[in-house]
Protein backbone atom coordinates (compact mmCIF):
# COMPACT_ATOMS: atom_id res chain seq x y z
CA UNK A 1 0.03 0.02 0.01
CA UNK A 2 2.87 2.36 0.94
CA UNK A 3 4.51 1.82 -2.43
CA UNK A 4 1.24 2.60 -4.37
CA UNK A 5 0.87 5.75 -2.38
CA UNK A 6 4.51 6.60 -2.99
CA UNK A 7 4.06 5.89 -6.71
CA UNK A 8 1.02 8.19 -6.83
CA UNK A 9 2.91 11.06 -5.06
CA UNK A 10 5.82 10.63 -7.39
CA UNK A 11 3.47 10.57 -10.47
CA UNK A 12 1.78 13.78 -9.30
CA UNK A 13 5.10 15.48 -8.58
CA UNK A 14 6.36 14.53 -12.05
CA UNK A 15 3.15 15.79 -13.67
CA UNK A 16 3.49 19.01 -11.92
CA UNK A 17 7.08 19.39 -13.11
CA UNK A 18 6.03 18.97 -16.74
CA UNK A 19 6.49 22.07 -18.74
CA UNK A 20 3.48 24.25 -19.27
CA UNK A 21 4.40 24.53 -23.04
CA UNK A 22 2.47 21.33 -23.77
CA UNK A 23 -0.58 22.98 -22.45
CA UNK A 24 -0.36 25.92 -24.84
CA UNK A 25 -2.25 25.89 -28.16
CA UNK A 26 -0.14 24.86 -31.15
CA UNK A 27 1.12 27.74 -33.40
CA UNK A 28 -0.81 27.65 -36.61
CA UNK A 29 0.81 28.21 -39.98
CA UNK A 30 0.87 31.86 -41.06
CA UNK A 31 2.26 31.02 -44.57
CA UNK A 32 -0.80 32.46 -46.32
CA UNK A 33 -1.06 35.59 -44.16
CA UNK A 34 0.35 38.80 -45.63
CA UNK A 35 3.25 40.45 -43.73
CA UNK A 36 1.95 43.10 -41.27
CA UNK A 37 4.08 46.21 -40.73
CA UNK A 38 5.24 47.16 -37.23
CA UNK A 39 7.39 49.71 -35.37
CA UNK A 40 10.93 49.23 -36.27
CA UNK A 41 10.43 48.15 -39.93
CA UNK A 42 12.24 50.18 -42.51
CA UNK A 43 10.35 50.71 -45.79
CA UNK A 44 11.95 51.58 -49.24
CA UNK A 45 9.41 53.79 -50.99
CA UNK A 46 9.98 54.71 -54.62
CA UNK A 47 7.66 57.42 -56.02
CA UNK A 48 8.27 57.34 -59.78
CA UNK A 49 9.14 60.82 -61.13
CA UNK A 50 9.66 62.35 -57.68
CA UNK A 51 13.04 61.67 -56.04
CA UNK A 52 12.26 64.09 -53.17
CA UNK A 53 9.59 61.74 -51.89
CA UNK A 54 11.45 58.48 -52.59
CA UNK A 55 13.60 57.06 -49.88
CA UNK A 56 14.00 54.92 -46.79
CA UNK A 57 11.49 55.48 -44.00
CA UNK A 58 11.36 53.75 -40.62
CA UNK A 59 8.18 52.96 -38.95
CA UNK A 60 8.24 54.86 -35.68
CA UNK A 61 7.27 53.58 -32.22
CA UNK A 62 3.95 55.32 -32.76
CA UNK A 63 3.36 53.14 -35.84
CA UNK A 64 3.73 55.74 -38.57
CA UNK A 65 6.27 57.03 -41.05
CA UNK A 66 7.04 60.71 -41.46
CA UNK A 67 7.06 61.65 -45.14
CA UNK A 68 7.86 65.15 -46.61
CA UNK A 69 4.85 67.09 -47.90
CA UNK A 70 2.53 64.36 -46.57
CA UNK A 71 3.28 64.24 -42.90
CA UNK A 72 2.56 61.26 -40.72
CA UNK A 73 1.39 58.21 -42.53
CA UNK A 74 -0.01 55.17 -40.44
CA UNK A 75 1.77 51.94 -41.22
CA UNK A 76 1.77 49.62 -38.14
CA UNK A 77 -0.94 46.90 -38.34
CA UNK A 78 -1.26 47.23 -42.15
CA UNK A 79 -0.14 44.88 -44.91
CA UNK A 80 2.32 46.32 -47.41
CA UNK A 81 -0.48 46.51 -50.05
CA UNK A 82 -2.86 48.33 -47.73
CA UNK A 83 -0.17 50.81 -46.66
CA UNK A 84 0.70 51.44 -50.29
CA UNK A 85 -2.99 52.10 -51.18
CA UNK A 86 -3.33 54.50 -48.22
CA UNK A 87 -0.10 56.35 -49.14
CA UNK A 88 -1.32 56.69 -52.79
CA UNK A 89 -4.55 58.27 -51.51
CA UNK A 90 -2.62 60.68 -49.28
CA UNK A 91 -0.38 61.72 -52.15
CA UNK A 92 -3.33 62.31 -54.43
CA UNK A 93 -4.96 64.57 -51.90
CA UNK A 94 -1.79 66.56 -50.86
CA UNK A 95 0.95 66.35 -53.49
CA UNK A 96 0.46 64.51 -56.96
CA UNK A 97 -2.35 63.98 -59.33
CA UNK A 98 -1.61 60.45 -60.30
CA UNK A 99 1.05 59.01 -57.90
CA UNK A 100 2.91 55.86 -59.02
CA UNK A 101 4.96 54.13 -56.36
CA UNK A 102 6.22 50.92 -54.88
CA UNK A 103 6.80 49.97 -51.25
CA UNK A 104 9.03 47.25 -49.93
CA UNK A 105 10.54 46.32 -46.64
CA UNK A 106 14.21 46.94 -46.73
CA UNK A 107 14.90 46.00 -43.03
CA UNK A 108 12.53 43.99 -40.78
CA UNK A 109 12.19 44.61 -36.98
CA UNK A 110 14.15 42.08 -34.95
CA UNK A 111 12.97 38.82 -33.38
CA UNK A 112 13.95 37.83 -29.84
CA UNK A 113 15.12 34.40 -28.55
CA UNK A 114 15.43 33.43 -24.89
CA UNK A 115 15.98 30.37 -22.75
CA UNK A 116 18.25 27.42 -23.51
CA UNK A 117 20.08 28.69 -26.49
CA UNK A 118 23.82 29.49 -26.43
CA UNK A 119 23.41 33.22 -27.18
CA UNK A 120 19.96 34.55 -26.27
CA UNK A 121 19.04 38.01 -27.52
CA UNK A 122 17.76 40.15 -30.26
CA UNK A 123 18.54 39.20 -33.85
CA UNK A 124 17.72 40.60 -37.30
CA UNK A 125 14.77 38.75 -38.80
CA UNK A 126 15.34 36.66 -41.99
CA UNK A 127 12.28 36.03 -44.34
CA UNK A 128 10.80 32.61 -43.98
CA UNK A 129 12.49 31.94 -40.70
CA UNK A 130 11.49 28.88 -38.64
CA UNK A 131 11.94 28.11 -34.97
CA UNK A 132 15.00 25.91 -35.89
CA UNK A 133 16.51 28.71 -37.92
CA UNK A 134 16.07 31.09 -35.04
CA UNK A 135 17.82 28.65 -32.70
CA UNK A 136 20.66 28.19 -35.19
CA UNK A 137 21.08 32.02 -35.43
CA UNK A 138 21.30 32.10 -31.53
CA UNK A 139 24.18 29.62 -31.58
CA UNK A 140 22.16 26.44 -31.20
CA UNK A 141 20.54 24.63 -28.21
CA UNK A 142 22.37 24.35 -24.90
CA UNK A 143 22.89 20.89 -23.36
CA UNK A 144 19.94 21.59 -20.95
CA UNK A 145 17.51 22.41 -23.78
CA UNK A 146 14.32 20.54 -24.32
CA UNK A 147 14.49 20.74 -28.13
CA UNK A 148 10.79 19.93 -28.55
CA UNK A 149 9.55 22.36 -25.93
CA UNK A 150 9.58 25.78 -27.54
CA UNK A 151 7.06 28.58 -27.27
CA UNK A 152 6.53 31.63 -29.56
CA UNK A 153 4.96 34.81 -28.16
CA UNK A 154 3.42 36.98 -30.87
CA UNK A 155 1.37 40.22 -30.97
CA UNK A 156 -2.03 39.62 -32.60
CA UNK A 157 -4.62 42.20 -32.71
CA UNK A 158 -2.83 44.32 -30.11
CA UNK A 159 -2.39 41.47 -27.59
CA UNK A 160 0.53 39.17 -26.76
CA UNK A 161 -0.27 35.47 -27.07
CA UNK A 162 1.82 32.52 -26.55
CA UNK A 163 1.76 29.25 -28.55
CA UNK A 164 3.58 25.88 -28.51
CA UNK A 165 5.83 25.83 -31.56
CA UNK A 166 7.29 22.97 -33.59
CA UNK A 167 10.80 23.25 -35.01
CA UNK A 168 9.29 24.08 -38.52
CA UNK A 169 6.86 26.77 -37.18
CA UNK A 170 7.29 30.15 -38.81
CA UNK A 171 8.95 32.90 -36.75
CA UNK A 172 7.84 36.55 -37.60
CA UNK A 173 9.50 39.89 -36.86
CA UNK A 174 8.80 40.95 -33.25
CA UNK A 175 8.21 37.36 -32.01
CA UNK A 176 9.75 36.20 -28.82
CA UNK A 177 10.93 32.56 -29.06
CA UNK A 178 11.56 30.73 -25.73
CA UNK A 179 13.37 27.42 -25.58
CA UNK A 180 12.47 25.53 -22.33
CA UNK A 181 14.87 23.58 -20.16
CA UNK A 182 14.37 19.81 -20.12
CA UNK A 183 13.34 18.03 -16.98
CA UNK A 184 15.14 15.00 -15.67
C-alpha cells in the first residue's frame, strides 16, 4: 500500500514538473497571411518621377512614417499592400495627381530568442524563418534544452499570445521565441 501511495505522489510530482508549454495551443501556420508592418520596420518607398519623396522610411514607435509634404502616414498593423494604397490616396490629396509608387521592406524589425540557447538576445529577422533557424542564429541549443519544448509569443490584434511551436513553425519579426529547459 505504501509503495502505491509513494508511486501516486511521485507521479503527481512529475506531472506538476512537466512544462506548461505542452498545455499551450499549437502555433498555426501563417504562410498564407500577408506580412503586417510594425514599429521598427524600414520601408523603401520609390515614387516614380519624384526623387524628393522617394527614400527609406522607418516605422516609428507610434506606428507611422514621417514623409515630406505628406506628414505622418500610419503603417503599423497594415499589410504592405494596404499601406501602399493609403499612401497613394494621401499623395493624391496633398501632392500628386496620379502617384505611381512601390513599397518594400528593406529591413525588418528584430525577433527575440530566450531560454536554453547559447546566445539569447535580439537578432535581425530573416524572411521565411523557422524556430530551428532562429535557434541556429542564436548559436544552437544548450545541453539543457528541451528541443521539442519551444514557445513563441506574438502580438495579434494588439495582444501578446503564446503558442507551443514545432521546429518548423514560422517565426515573424517581433516574435519572442523561448526554448525551455528539459526536466530530468
